[in-house]
């Protein structure tokens, strides 16, 4: 491959990566994520959440029930800052589904969007 062609391929790849990153900036989930604690009448709903970053679930005791009515999948974490460890791996919740924690397990404290 010639030197000029090699530079063109690298430049094109870098531009594609930059475009993909820029496209997700400002995007949202388009829909609702609903969270509820165990035996709690309080339901917390996030609407059109940004796809980038970690989002804290702002229920006092965390969430044990989730309904994902967005167009994107989410990952739930038992830690406040979307951190995974051996005792608390992330839990994948596809679009248009719901999930309930197992009895005796820790509640969910944060989530991130798969984009």
Protein backbone atom coordinates (compact mmCIF):
# COMPACT_ATOMS: atom_id res chain seq x y z
CA UNK A 1 0.00 0.00 0.00
CA UNK A 2 1.44 3.39 -0.90
CA UNK A 3 2.27 5.91 1.80
CA UNK A 4 -0.44 8.36 0.65
CA UNK A 5 -3.09 5.65 0.52
CA UNK A 6 -2.07 4.43 4.03
CA UNK A 7 -2.50 7.97 5.41
CA UNK A 8 -5.91 8.21 3.71
CA UNK A 9 -7.07 4.98 5.35
CA UNK A 10 -5.90 6.15 8.79
CA UNK A 11 -7.52 9.57 8.31
CA UNK A 12 -10.78 7.97 7.18
CA UNK A 13 -10.84 5.64 10.18
CA UNK A 14 -10.17 8.51 12.58
CA UNK A 15 -12.92 10.60 10.98
CA UNK A 16 -15.38 7.69 11.24
CA UNK A 17 -14.57 7.22 14.94
CA UNK A 18 -14.95 10.94 15.61
CA UNK A 19 -18.28 11.02 13.77
CA UNK A 20 -19.62 8.02 15.70
CA UNK A 21 -18.63 9.62 19.00
CA UNK A 22 -20.12 12.98 18.05
CA UNK A 23 -23.37 11.36 16.91
CA UNK A 24 -24.06 9.93 20.38
CA UNK A 25 -23.55 13.32 22.04
CA UNK A 26 -26.98 14.74 22.79
CA UNK A 27 -28.86 11.51 21.96
CA UNK A 28 -31.43 10.19 24.40
CA UNK A 29 -33.15 6.87 25.09
CA UNK A 30 -36.50 7.91 23.52
CA UNK A 31 -38.91 6.45 26.02
CA UNK A 32 -39.26 5.74 29.72
CA UNK A 33 -37.33 3.76 32.29
CA UNK A 34 -39.38 3.12 35.43
CA UNK A 35 -37.91 2.04 38.77
CA UNK A 36 -39.57 0.98 42.02
CA UNK A 37 -38.26 -0.26 45.34
CA UNK A 38 -39.37 -3.48 47.05
CA UNK A 39 -43.01 -3.12 48.22
CA UNK A 40 -42.83 0.63 47.59
CA UNK A 41 -45.68 2.65 46.11
CA UNK A 42 -43.15 5.19 44.80
CA UNK A 43 -42.19 4.82 41.15
CA UNK A 44 -39.35 6.83 39.64
CA UNK A 45 -39.47 7.38 35.87
CA UNK A 46 -36.65 8.67 33.68
CA UNK A 47 -37.78 10.03 30.31
CA UNK A 48 -35.48 10.53 27.32
CA UNK A 49 -32.31 9.95 29.34
CA UNK A 50 -28.97 10.91 27.74
CA UNK A 51 -27.23 7.83 26.29
CA UNK A 52 -23.81 8.82 27.60
CA UNK A 53 -22.57 8.43 31.14
CA UNK A 54 -23.73 6.80 34.34
CA UNK A 55 -27.12 7.69 35.81
CA UNK A 56 -27.90 7.32 39.51
CA UNK A 57 -31.24 5.76 40.45
CA UNK A 58 -32.48 8.29 42.96
CA UNK A 59 -34.63 6.10 45.19
CA UNK A 60 -33.68 6.18 48.89
CA UNK A 61 -33.23 2.39 49.14
CA UNK A 62 -32.43 1.66 45.50
CA UNK A 63 -34.60 -0.12 42.94
CA UNK A 64 -35.73 -3.72 42.89
CA UNK A 65 -38.08 -3.48 39.88
CA UNK A 66 -37.37 -1.94 36.48
CA UNK A 67 -39.37 -1.57 33.29
CA UNK A 68 -37.45 -0.54 30.18
CA UNK A 69 -39.85 1.10 27.72
CA UNK A 70 -37.10 2.80 25.73
CA UNK A 71 -35.69 2.08 22.29
CA UNK A 72 -32.31 1.14 23.80
CA UNK A 73 -31.01 -1.52 26.19
CA UNK A 74 -29.65 -0.60 29.62
CA UNK A 75 -27.25 -2.11 32.14
CA UNK A 76 -28.17 -1.89 35.84
CA UNK A 77 -25.56 -1.71 38.60
CA UNK A 78 -25.76 -2.30 42.34
CA UNK A 79 -23.26 0.52 42.94
CA UNK A 80 -23.92 4.28 42.69
CA UNK A 81 -21.30 4.96 39.99
CA UNK A 82 -21.92 2.11 37.50
CA UNK A 83 -19.01 0.12 38.90
CA UNK A 84 -18.83 -3.65 38.51
CA UNK A 85 -17.14 -6.11 40.85
CA UNK A 86 -17.31 -9.85 41.54
CA UNK A 87 -20.25 -9.50 43.94
CA UNK A 88 -22.12 -6.95 41.83
CA UNK A 89 -21.82 -7.41 38.06
CA UNK A 90 -23.97 -5.32 35.76
CA UNK A 91 -27.36 -6.70 34.75
CA UNK A 92 -28.45 -6.31 31.11
CA UNK A 93 -32.07 -5.29 30.51
CA UNK A 94 -33.12 -5.25 26.83
CA UNK A 95 -35.59 -2.75 25.43
CA UNK A 96 -39.30 -3.38 26.07
CA UNK A 97 -38.65 -5.74 29.01
CA UNK A 98 -38.72 -5.65 32.79
CA UNK A 99 -36.63 -7.18 35.55
CA UNK A 100 -36.99 -7.83 39.27
CA UNK A 101 -34.13 -8.45 41.71
CA UNK A 102 -33.83 -11.82 43.38
CA UNK A 103 -35.00 -12.02 46.97
CA UNK A 104 -32.24 -11.00 49.34
CA UNK A 105 -30.02 -9.43 46.67
CA UNK A 106 -28.82 -5.83 46.68
CA UNK A 107 -30.97 -3.19 44.95
CA UNK A 108 -29.89 -1.37 41.80
CA UNK A 109 -28.30 2.04 42.39
CA UNK A 110 -27.33 3.22 38.89
CA UNK A 111 -27.62 2.46 35.18
CA UNK A 112 -25.97 3.12 31.86
CA UNK A 113 -27.42 3.01 28.36
CA UNK A 114 -26.12 0.61 25.70
CA UNK A 115 -25.62 2.63 22.53
